[in-house]
N, C-alpha and C. Protein backbone atom coordinates (compact mmCIF):
# COMPACT_ATOMS: atom_id res chain seq x y z
N MET A 1 -10.37 7.65 -17.81
CA MET A 1 -11.12 7.32 -16.62
C MET A 1 -12.24 8.33 -16.44
N LYS A 2 -13.44 7.87 -16.65
CA LYS A 2 -14.60 8.74 -16.52
C LYS A 2 -15.02 8.84 -15.07
N GLY A 3 -15.67 9.94 -14.76
CA GLY A 3 -16.17 10.14 -13.41
C GLY A 3 -15.14 10.74 -12.50
N LYS A 4 -15.55 10.95 -11.27
CA LYS A 4 -14.69 11.55 -10.26
C LYS A 4 -13.63 10.54 -9.81
N THR A 5 -12.41 11.01 -9.63
CA THR A 5 -11.34 10.14 -9.13
C THR A 5 -10.56 10.86 -8.04
N GLU A 6 -9.97 10.04 -7.17
CA GLU A 6 -9.03 10.51 -6.17
C GLU A 6 -7.83 9.59 -6.21
N VAL A 7 -6.76 10.01 -5.54
CA VAL A 7 -5.53 9.24 -5.51
C VAL A 7 -5.13 8.99 -4.05
N ALA A 8 -4.76 7.75 -3.77
CA ALA A 8 -4.19 7.38 -2.48
C ALA A 8 -2.80 6.82 -2.74
N THR A 9 -1.84 7.16 -1.91
CA THR A 9 -0.49 6.62 -2.02
C THR A 9 -0.14 5.98 -0.69
N LEU A 10 0.15 4.67 -0.73
CA LEU A 10 0.36 3.88 0.48
C LEU A 10 1.59 3.00 0.34
N ALA A 11 2.25 2.75 1.47
CA ALA A 11 3.35 1.80 1.52
C ALA A 11 3.11 0.87 2.70
N GLY A 12 3.23 -0.42 2.45
CA GLY A 12 3.00 -1.40 3.51
C GLY A 12 3.69 -2.70 3.20
N GLY A 13 4.99 -2.63 2.97
CA GLY A 13 5.73 -3.83 2.60
C GLY A 13 5.93 -3.89 1.10
N CYS A 14 6.03 -5.09 0.60
CA CYS A 14 6.26 -5.30 -0.83
C CYS A 14 5.11 -4.75 -1.66
N PHE A 15 5.43 -3.95 -2.66
CA PHE A 15 4.36 -3.36 -3.47
C PHE A 15 3.60 -4.39 -4.29
N TRP A 16 4.18 -5.56 -4.53
CA TRP A 16 3.45 -6.60 -5.26
C TRP A 16 2.21 -7.02 -4.48
N CYS A 17 2.32 -7.11 -3.16
CA CYS A 17 1.18 -7.52 -2.32
C CYS A 17 0.08 -6.46 -2.36
N LEU A 18 0.43 -5.22 -2.12
CA LEU A 18 -0.57 -4.15 -2.13
C LEU A 18 -1.23 -4.04 -3.50
N GLU A 19 -0.43 -4.08 -4.54
CA GLU A 19 -0.96 -3.98 -5.90
C GLU A 19 -1.98 -5.09 -6.16
N ALA A 20 -1.61 -6.33 -5.85
CA ALA A 20 -2.47 -7.48 -6.14
C ALA A 20 -3.81 -7.37 -5.41
N ILE A 21 -3.79 -6.85 -4.20
CA ILE A 21 -5.05 -6.73 -3.45
C ILE A 21 -5.88 -5.57 -3.96
N TYR A 22 -5.30 -4.39 -4.09
CA TYR A 22 -6.10 -3.24 -4.52
C TYR A 22 -6.61 -3.38 -5.95
N GLN A 23 -5.96 -4.17 -6.79
CA GLN A 23 -6.48 -4.43 -8.13
C GLN A 23 -7.83 -5.14 -8.09
N ARG A 24 -8.13 -5.80 -7.00
CA ARG A 24 -9.37 -6.57 -6.86
C ARG A 24 -10.51 -5.78 -6.19
N VAL A 25 -10.24 -4.53 -5.84
CA VAL A 25 -11.20 -3.74 -5.07
C VAL A 25 -12.13 -2.95 -6.00
N LYS A 26 -13.42 -3.10 -5.73
CA LYS A 26 -14.45 -2.38 -6.46
C LYS A 26 -14.23 -0.88 -6.27
N GLY A 27 -14.25 -0.14 -7.37
CA GLY A 27 -14.04 1.30 -7.32
C GLY A 27 -12.61 1.73 -7.55
N VAL A 28 -11.68 0.78 -7.48
CA VAL A 28 -10.28 1.09 -7.80
C VAL A 28 -10.11 0.98 -9.30
N LEU A 29 -9.63 2.05 -9.90
CA LEU A 29 -9.51 2.12 -11.36
C LEU A 29 -8.11 1.75 -11.84
N LYS A 30 -7.12 2.06 -11.01
CA LYS A 30 -5.73 1.78 -11.42
C LYS A 30 -4.86 1.70 -10.18
N VAL A 31 -3.89 0.77 -10.21
CA VAL A 31 -2.90 0.64 -9.13
C VAL A 31 -1.53 0.61 -9.80
N ILE A 32 -0.65 1.47 -9.34
CA ILE A 32 0.70 1.56 -9.91
C ILE A 32 1.71 1.30 -8.80
N SER A 33 2.60 0.35 -9.00
CA SER A 33 3.69 0.11 -8.06
C SER A 33 4.80 1.12 -8.30
N GLY A 34 5.43 1.55 -7.21
CA GLY A 34 6.52 2.50 -7.37
C GLY A 34 7.19 2.81 -6.06
N TYR A 35 7.79 3.99 -6.00
CA TYR A 35 8.60 4.40 -4.87
C TYR A 35 8.19 5.80 -4.43
N SER A 36 8.16 6.02 -3.11
CA SER A 36 7.79 7.33 -2.59
C SER A 36 8.42 7.51 -1.21
N GLY A 37 8.58 8.77 -0.83
CA GLY A 37 9.02 9.09 0.52
C GLY A 37 10.50 9.33 0.69
N GLY A 38 11.26 9.27 -0.39
CA GLY A 38 12.70 9.45 -0.27
C GLY A 38 13.18 10.73 -0.89
N ASP A 39 14.51 10.84 -1.01
CA ASP A 39 15.08 12.07 -1.55
C ASP A 39 15.88 11.87 -2.83
N VAL A 40 15.85 10.67 -3.39
CA VAL A 40 16.54 10.41 -4.65
C VAL A 40 15.52 10.54 -5.78
N VAL A 41 15.85 11.33 -6.78
CA VAL A 41 14.95 11.53 -7.92
C VAL A 41 15.03 10.32 -8.85
N SER A 42 13.87 9.82 -9.24
CA SER A 42 13.75 8.70 -10.18
C SER A 42 14.61 7.50 -9.80
N PRO A 43 14.43 6.97 -8.60
CA PRO A 43 15.25 5.83 -8.19
C PRO A 43 14.84 4.56 -8.95
N ASP A 44 15.76 3.62 -9.00
CA ASP A 44 15.41 2.31 -9.55
C ASP A 44 15.34 1.31 -8.40
N TYR A 45 14.88 0.11 -8.72
CA TYR A 45 14.65 -0.91 -7.71
C TYR A 45 15.90 -1.22 -6.91
N GLU A 46 17.04 -1.35 -7.59
CA GLU A 46 18.28 -1.68 -6.90
C GLU A 46 18.68 -0.58 -5.93
N GLN A 47 18.49 0.67 -6.32
CA GLN A 47 18.80 1.78 -5.42
C GLN A 47 17.90 1.74 -4.18
N VAL A 48 16.61 1.51 -4.39
CA VAL A 48 15.67 1.48 -3.28
C VAL A 48 16.00 0.31 -2.35
N CYS A 49 16.37 -0.83 -2.93
CA CYS A 49 16.73 -2.01 -2.12
C CYS A 49 18.01 -1.81 -1.34
N SER A 50 18.84 -0.86 -1.73
CA SER A 50 20.08 -0.59 -1.00
C SER A 50 19.80 0.09 0.34
N ASP A 51 18.56 0.52 0.54
CA ASP A 51 18.14 1.16 1.79
C ASP A 51 18.87 2.48 2.02
N THR A 52 19.21 3.17 0.92
CA THR A 52 19.93 4.44 1.04
C THR A 52 19.18 5.61 0.41
N THR A 53 18.03 5.36 -0.20
CA THR A 53 17.30 6.42 -0.91
C THR A 53 16.24 7.10 -0.06
N GLY A 54 15.83 6.44 1.02
CA GLY A 54 14.73 6.95 1.83
C GLY A 54 13.36 6.59 1.28
N HIS A 55 13.32 5.99 0.10
CA HIS A 55 12.04 5.64 -0.51
C HIS A 55 11.50 4.34 0.07
N ALA A 56 10.18 4.24 0.07
CA ALA A 56 9.50 3.01 0.42
C ALA A 56 8.88 2.44 -0.86
N GLU A 57 8.78 1.12 -0.92
CA GLU A 57 7.98 0.51 -1.99
C GLU A 57 6.54 0.91 -1.70
N ALA A 58 5.88 1.50 -2.67
CA ALA A 58 4.55 2.05 -2.47
C ALA A 58 3.66 1.74 -3.66
N VAL A 59 2.38 1.97 -3.47
CA VAL A 59 1.44 1.92 -4.58
C VAL A 59 0.67 3.22 -4.64
N GLN A 60 0.37 3.61 -5.85
CA GLN A 60 -0.51 4.76 -6.05
C GLN A 60 -1.82 4.20 -6.60
N ILE A 61 -2.90 4.52 -5.91
CA ILE A 61 -4.21 3.96 -6.20
C ILE A 61 -5.12 5.07 -6.70
N VAL A 62 -5.63 4.90 -7.91
CA VAL A 62 -6.62 5.83 -8.45
C VAL A 62 -7.97 5.16 -8.24
N PHE A 63 -8.88 5.87 -7.55
CA PHE A 63 -10.16 5.26 -7.21
C PHE A 63 -11.31 6.25 -7.38
N ASN A 64 -12.51 5.69 -7.49
CA ASN A 64 -13.72 6.49 -7.61
C ASN A 64 -14.32 6.61 -6.21
N PRO A 65 -14.30 7.82 -5.62
CA PRO A 65 -14.79 7.98 -4.25
C PRO A 65 -16.31 7.82 -4.13
N GLU A 66 -17.00 7.76 -5.25
CA GLU A 66 -18.44 7.51 -5.22
C GLU A 66 -18.72 6.01 -5.03
N ILE A 67 -17.68 5.18 -5.25
CA ILE A 67 -17.83 3.73 -5.08
C ILE A 67 -17.12 3.26 -3.82
N ILE A 68 -15.93 3.77 -3.58
CA ILE A 68 -15.17 3.41 -2.37
C ILE A 68 -14.53 4.68 -1.82
N SER A 69 -14.66 4.87 -0.53
CA SER A 69 -14.12 6.08 0.09
C SER A 69 -12.64 5.91 0.43
N TYR A 70 -11.99 7.03 0.68
CA TYR A 70 -10.61 6.98 1.14
C TYR A 70 -10.51 6.25 2.47
N GLY A 71 -11.50 6.45 3.34
CA GLY A 71 -11.53 5.73 4.61
C GLY A 71 -11.58 4.22 4.41
N GLU A 72 -12.34 3.76 3.42
CA GLU A 72 -12.42 2.32 3.14
C GLU A 72 -11.11 1.81 2.54
N ILE A 73 -10.47 2.64 1.72
CA ILE A 73 -9.14 2.29 1.18
C ILE A 73 -8.20 2.04 2.37
N LEU A 74 -8.26 2.90 3.38
CA LEU A 74 -7.40 2.74 4.56
C LEU A 74 -7.83 1.56 5.42
N LYS A 75 -9.11 1.30 5.52
CA LYS A 75 -9.59 0.14 6.27
C LYS A 75 -8.95 -1.14 5.71
N ILE A 76 -8.91 -1.23 4.40
CA ILE A 76 -8.26 -2.37 3.75
C ILE A 76 -6.77 -2.36 4.06
N PHE A 77 -6.14 -1.20 3.93
CA PHE A 77 -4.70 -1.05 4.18
C PHE A 77 -4.32 -1.60 5.55
N TRP A 78 -5.07 -1.23 6.59
CA TRP A 78 -4.74 -1.68 7.94
C TRP A 78 -4.82 -3.19 8.08
N GLN A 79 -5.63 -3.84 7.25
CA GLN A 79 -5.84 -5.28 7.38
C GLN A 79 -4.88 -6.12 6.54
N ILE A 80 -4.21 -5.52 5.56
CA ILE A 80 -3.41 -6.34 4.63
C ILE A 80 -1.91 -6.29 4.89
N HIS A 81 -1.53 -5.64 5.98
CA HIS A 81 -0.13 -5.67 6.38
C HIS A 81 -0.07 -5.48 7.90
N ASN A 82 1.11 -5.63 8.45
CA ASN A 82 1.28 -5.46 9.89
C ASN A 82 1.81 -4.05 10.14
N PRO A 83 0.96 -3.14 10.65
CA PRO A 83 1.40 -1.76 10.85
C PRO A 83 2.21 -1.54 12.13
N THR A 84 2.60 -2.63 12.79
CA THR A 84 3.36 -2.51 14.04
C THR A 84 4.83 -2.87 13.89
N THR A 85 5.22 -3.33 12.73
CA THR A 85 6.63 -3.72 12.54
C THR A 85 7.37 -2.60 11.82
N LEU A 86 8.38 -2.07 12.47
CA LEU A 86 9.15 -0.97 11.91
C LEU A 86 10.10 -1.49 10.84
N ASN A 87 9.95 -0.94 9.63
CA ASN A 87 10.85 -1.27 8.52
C ASN A 87 10.88 -2.77 8.21
N ARG A 88 9.71 -3.39 8.30
CA ARG A 88 9.68 -4.83 8.05
C ARG A 88 8.24 -5.29 7.78
N GLN A 89 8.13 -6.24 6.86
CA GLN A 89 6.90 -7.00 6.65
C GLN A 89 7.32 -8.43 6.40
N GLY A 90 6.99 -9.31 7.32
CA GLY A 90 7.39 -10.71 7.17
C GLY A 90 8.90 -10.83 7.08
N ASN A 91 9.38 -11.50 6.05
CA ASN A 91 10.82 -11.67 5.85
C ASN A 91 11.47 -10.53 5.09
N ASP A 92 10.67 -9.57 4.64
CA ASP A 92 11.21 -8.40 3.93
C ASP A 92 11.55 -7.33 4.98
N PHE A 93 12.80 -6.89 4.99
CA PHE A 93 13.17 -5.87 5.97
C PHE A 93 14.03 -4.79 5.33
N GLY A 94 13.99 -3.63 5.94
CA GLY A 94 14.65 -2.43 5.45
C GLY A 94 13.63 -1.31 5.40
N SER A 95 14.09 -0.08 5.40
CA SER A 95 13.17 1.06 5.44
C SER A 95 12.27 1.12 4.21
N GLN A 96 12.67 0.45 3.13
CA GLN A 96 11.82 0.44 1.94
C GLN A 96 10.54 -0.37 2.14
N TYR A 97 10.46 -1.12 3.23
CA TYR A 97 9.27 -1.93 3.54
C TYR A 97 8.45 -1.33 4.69
N ARG A 98 8.72 -0.09 5.04
CA ARG A 98 7.99 0.53 6.15
C ARG A 98 6.53 0.81 5.78
N SER A 99 5.75 1.05 6.80
CA SER A 99 4.33 1.35 6.65
C SER A 99 4.14 2.86 6.64
N VAL A 100 3.57 3.38 5.54
CA VAL A 100 3.39 4.83 5.39
C VAL A 100 2.09 5.13 4.66
N ILE A 101 1.40 6.14 5.14
CA ILE A 101 0.29 6.74 4.41
C ILE A 101 0.78 8.11 3.96
N PHE A 102 0.83 8.31 2.65
CA PHE A 102 1.24 9.60 2.08
C PHE A 102 -0.04 10.36 1.72
N TYR A 103 -0.43 11.31 2.54
CA TYR A 103 -1.69 12.00 2.27
C TYR A 103 -1.50 13.09 1.21
N HIS A 104 -2.54 13.28 0.39
CA HIS A 104 -2.51 14.24 -0.71
C HIS A 104 -3.17 15.57 -0.39
N ASN A 105 -3.92 15.62 0.71
CA ASN A 105 -4.59 16.87 1.09
C ASN A 105 -4.97 16.78 2.58
N GLU A 106 -5.49 17.87 3.10
CA GLU A 106 -5.85 17.92 4.53
C GLU A 106 -6.95 16.92 4.88
N ALA A 107 -7.90 16.73 3.98
CA ALA A 107 -8.98 15.77 4.25
C ALA A 107 -8.40 14.37 4.41
N GLN A 108 -7.51 13.97 3.51
CA GLN A 108 -6.87 12.66 3.63
C GLN A 108 -6.04 12.57 4.92
N LYS A 109 -5.36 13.63 5.26
CA LYS A 109 -4.56 13.64 6.49
C LYS A 109 -5.45 13.36 7.70
N ASN A 110 -6.57 14.07 7.78
CA ASN A 110 -7.48 13.91 8.92
C ASN A 110 -8.09 12.51 8.95
N ILE A 111 -8.48 12.00 7.81
CA ILE A 111 -9.04 10.64 7.75
C ILE A 111 -7.99 9.63 8.19
N ALA A 112 -6.75 9.80 7.72
CA ALA A 112 -5.66 8.88 8.08
C ALA A 112 -5.37 8.93 9.57
N LEU A 113 -5.26 10.13 10.13
CA LEU A 113 -4.99 10.26 11.57
C LEU A 113 -6.11 9.64 12.40
N ASN A 114 -7.35 9.89 12.01
CA ASN A 114 -8.49 9.32 12.74
C ASN A 114 -8.54 7.81 12.61
N SER A 115 -8.24 7.29 11.41
CA SER A 115 -8.29 5.83 11.24
C SER A 115 -7.18 5.15 12.03
N LYS A 116 -6.02 5.78 12.10
CA LYS A 116 -4.93 5.22 12.91
C LYS A 116 -5.30 5.25 14.39
N LYS A 117 -5.89 6.34 14.84
CA LYS A 117 -6.32 6.43 16.24
C LYS A 117 -7.38 5.37 16.54
N ASP A 118 -8.33 5.21 15.63
CA ASP A 118 -9.37 4.18 15.83
C ASP A 118 -8.75 2.80 15.92
N LEU A 119 -7.76 2.53 15.07
CA LEU A 119 -7.07 1.23 15.10
C LEU A 119 -6.36 1.03 16.44
N GLU A 120 -5.65 2.06 16.87
CA GLU A 120 -4.95 1.97 18.16
C GLU A 120 -5.93 1.80 19.32
N ASP A 121 -7.03 2.54 19.28
CA ASP A 121 -8.03 2.46 20.35
C ASP A 121 -8.72 1.09 20.40
N ALA A 122 -8.77 0.41 19.26
CA ALA A 122 -9.41 -0.91 19.21
C ALA A 122 -8.52 -2.00 19.81
N HIS A 123 -7.25 -1.70 20.02
CA HIS A 123 -6.30 -2.64 20.63
C HIS A 123 -6.25 -3.99 19.88
N ILE A 124 -6.29 -3.90 18.56
CA ILE A 124 -6.19 -5.10 17.73
C ILE A 124 -4.77 -5.67 17.79
N TRP A 125 -3.81 -4.78 17.87
CA TRP A 125 -2.40 -5.17 17.89
C TRP A 125 -1.85 -5.02 19.31
N LYS A 126 -1.00 -5.93 19.71
CA LYS A 126 -0.36 -5.84 21.03
C LYS A 126 0.72 -4.76 21.04
N GLU A 127 1.38 -4.60 19.91
CA GLU A 127 2.46 -3.61 19.77
C GLU A 127 1.88 -2.29 19.25
N PRO A 128 2.58 -1.18 19.45
CA PRO A 128 2.09 0.10 18.93
C PRO A 128 2.14 0.16 17.39
N VAL A 129 1.22 0.89 16.83
CA VAL A 129 1.18 1.10 15.39
C VAL A 129 2.27 2.11 15.03
N VAL A 130 3.15 1.73 14.09
CA VAL A 130 4.28 2.58 13.73
C VAL A 130 4.12 3.23 12.35
N THR A 131 2.96 3.07 11.75
CA THR A 131 2.71 3.63 10.43
C THR A 131 2.91 5.14 10.45
N GLU A 132 3.71 5.63 9.51
CA GLU A 132 3.93 7.07 9.35
C GLU A 132 2.76 7.65 8.56
N ILE A 133 2.36 8.86 8.90
CA ILE A 133 1.37 9.60 8.13
C ILE A 133 2.04 10.91 7.76
N VAL A 134 2.41 11.03 6.48
CA VAL A 134 3.23 12.15 6.03
C VAL A 134 2.67 12.74 4.73
N PRO A 135 2.98 14.01 4.47
CA PRO A 135 2.49 14.61 3.23
C PRO A 135 3.12 13.94 2.00
N PHE A 136 2.30 13.76 0.99
CA PHE A 136 2.79 13.22 -0.28
C PHE A 136 3.72 14.25 -0.92
N GLN A 137 4.85 13.77 -1.44
CA GLN A 137 5.80 14.64 -2.13
C GLN A 137 5.90 14.28 -3.61
N GLU A 138 6.30 13.03 -3.85
CA GLU A 138 6.54 12.57 -5.23
C GLU A 138 6.37 11.06 -5.28
N PHE A 139 5.97 10.57 -6.42
CA PHE A 139 5.83 9.14 -6.64
C PHE A 139 6.54 8.81 -7.95
N TYR A 140 7.39 7.79 -7.90
CA TYR A 140 8.12 7.34 -9.09
C TYR A 140 7.66 5.93 -9.43
N PRO A 141 7.02 5.75 -10.59
CA PRO A 141 6.58 4.40 -10.97
C PRO A 141 7.76 3.44 -11.04
N ALA A 142 7.50 2.20 -10.62
CA ALA A 142 8.52 1.15 -10.68
C ALA A 142 8.76 0.74 -12.13
N GLU A 143 9.81 -0.02 -12.31
CA GLU A 143 10.15 -0.54 -13.63
C GLU A 143 9.02 -1.43 -14.15
N GLU A 144 8.94 -1.56 -15.46
CA GLU A 144 7.86 -2.33 -16.10
C GLU A 144 7.73 -3.73 -15.53
N TYR A 145 8.83 -4.40 -15.24
CA TYR A 145 8.74 -5.79 -14.80
C TYR A 145 8.09 -5.93 -13.43
N HIS A 146 7.92 -4.84 -12.68
CA HIS A 146 7.24 -4.90 -11.38
C HIS A 146 5.73 -4.69 -11.50
N LYS A 147 5.30 -4.15 -12.62
CA LYS A 147 3.90 -3.79 -12.76
C LYS A 147 3.03 -5.02 -13.03
N ASN A 148 1.88 -5.05 -12.34
CA ASN A 148 0.93 -6.15 -12.51
C ASN A 148 1.61 -7.48 -12.24
N TYR A 149 2.45 -7.51 -11.23
CA TYR A 149 3.38 -8.61 -11.01
C TYR A 149 2.71 -9.96 -10.78
N LEU A 150 1.76 -10.03 -9.90
CA LEU A 150 1.13 -11.32 -9.63
C LEU A 150 0.46 -11.87 -10.88
N ASN A 151 -0.26 -11.04 -11.60
CA ASN A 151 -0.95 -11.51 -12.80
C ASN A 151 0.04 -11.95 -13.89
N ASN A 152 1.18 -11.32 -13.94
CA ASN A 152 2.18 -11.67 -14.97
C ASN A 152 3.11 -12.80 -14.55
N HIS A 153 3.23 -13.05 -13.23
CA HIS A 153 4.18 -14.06 -12.73
C HIS A 153 3.57 -14.92 -11.63
N PRO A 154 2.43 -15.54 -11.86
CA PRO A 154 1.79 -16.31 -10.79
C PRO A 154 2.62 -17.51 -10.33
N GLU A 155 3.55 -17.95 -11.17
CA GLU A 155 4.39 -19.10 -10.81
C GLU A 155 5.56 -18.73 -9.90
N ASN A 156 5.84 -17.44 -9.76
CA ASN A 156 6.93 -16.97 -8.91
C ASN A 156 6.70 -17.45 -7.48
N GLN A 157 7.75 -17.97 -6.83
CA GLN A 157 7.60 -18.52 -5.48
C GLN A 157 7.15 -17.47 -4.47
N TYR A 158 7.65 -16.26 -4.58
CA TYR A 158 7.21 -15.20 -3.67
C TYR A 158 5.71 -14.97 -3.83
N CYS A 159 5.26 -14.97 -5.08
CA CYS A 159 3.82 -14.80 -5.33
C CYS A 159 3.02 -15.94 -4.74
N GLN A 160 3.51 -17.17 -4.90
CA GLN A 160 2.78 -18.33 -4.41
C GLN A 160 2.74 -18.39 -2.89
N PHE A 161 3.83 -18.03 -2.23
CA PHE A 161 3.92 -18.22 -0.78
C PHE A 161 3.67 -16.96 0.05
N VAL A 162 3.71 -15.78 -0.57
CA VAL A 162 3.49 -14.55 0.17
C VAL A 162 2.29 -13.78 -0.39
N VAL A 163 2.32 -13.47 -1.68
CA VAL A 163 1.28 -12.62 -2.26
C VAL A 163 -0.07 -13.33 -2.28
N MET A 164 -0.13 -14.54 -2.82
CA MET A 164 -1.42 -15.24 -2.95
C MET A 164 -2.10 -15.50 -1.60
N PRO A 165 -1.38 -15.92 -0.56
CA PRO A 165 -2.07 -16.08 0.73
C PRO A 165 -2.69 -14.77 1.23
N LYS A 166 -2.01 -13.65 1.01
CA LYS A 166 -2.59 -12.36 1.41
C LYS A 166 -3.83 -12.04 0.58
N VAL A 167 -3.76 -12.32 -0.71
CA VAL A 167 -4.90 -12.08 -1.59
C VAL A 167 -6.08 -12.95 -1.16
N LYS A 168 -5.84 -14.22 -0.91
CA LYS A 168 -6.91 -15.14 -0.49
C LYS A 168 -7.53 -14.69 0.83
N LYS A 169 -6.70 -14.28 1.77
CA LYS A 169 -7.18 -13.80 3.07
C LYS A 169 -8.07 -12.57 2.86
N PHE A 170 -7.62 -11.67 2.02
CA PHE A 170 -8.40 -10.47 1.71
C PHE A 170 -9.72 -10.84 1.07
N GLU A 171 -9.69 -11.71 0.08
CA GLU A 171 -10.91 -12.09 -0.63
C GLU A 171 -11.93 -12.74 0.30
N THR A 172 -11.45 -13.46 1.30
CA THR A 172 -12.35 -14.10 2.26
C THR A 172 -12.93 -13.08 3.24
N ALA A 173 -12.09 -12.18 3.72
CA ALA A 173 -12.51 -11.23 4.76
C ALA A 173 -13.25 -10.00 4.23
N PHE A 174 -13.01 -9.64 2.98
CA PHE A 174 -13.55 -8.38 2.45
C PHE A 174 -14.37 -8.58 1.18
N LYS A 175 -15.24 -9.56 1.18
CA LYS A 175 -16.05 -9.87 -0.02
C LYS A 175 -16.82 -8.68 -0.54
N LYS A 176 -17.28 -7.82 0.35
CA LYS A 176 -18.10 -6.69 -0.10
C LYS A 176 -17.30 -5.68 -0.94
N TYR A 177 -15.97 -5.73 -0.85
CA TYR A 177 -15.14 -4.81 -1.62
C TYR A 177 -14.67 -5.38 -2.95
N LEU A 178 -14.93 -6.65 -3.21
CA LEU A 178 -14.42 -7.28 -4.43
C LEU A 178 -15.15 -6.82 -5.67
N LYS A 179 -14.38 -6.70 -6.76
CA LYS A 179 -14.96 -6.37 -8.06
C LYS A 179 -15.83 -7.50 -8.52
């Protein structure tokens, strides 16, 4: 990857949804599905789904800040999931589906706190925003079969009824960010 890069680590429900959207964003070089925020080393999907590891399904996004800023990465994040539902996105529930911004440095922390405050001040949501903003600790890539999931399994019912509608909504609302 040539040029300057930064990393964002986000959790907002199923990592297949976040991955599919951020893969379409101009300036995003790589998106990796995985697990973050827990205390079990190298967890697998079944462990994370047991809701006992403390990990959330997350994505790690490598991006070029000269093309898209961390603030813009977060602007997209706030729009592609519901940041007011605790431990839940749609029909997916459990702490592994919570909304979290894992900041990598003080600059990211400040941008995340300000963007959350701006979102709350805009009163877009009737309920309070419950997204956690916490320091990044560790990220464990998901198993191979989770990677690039929508592109590899477009016929999957979850992809057809959950992931694709989110992708289409994003593509309509955020044309300026599309590759």
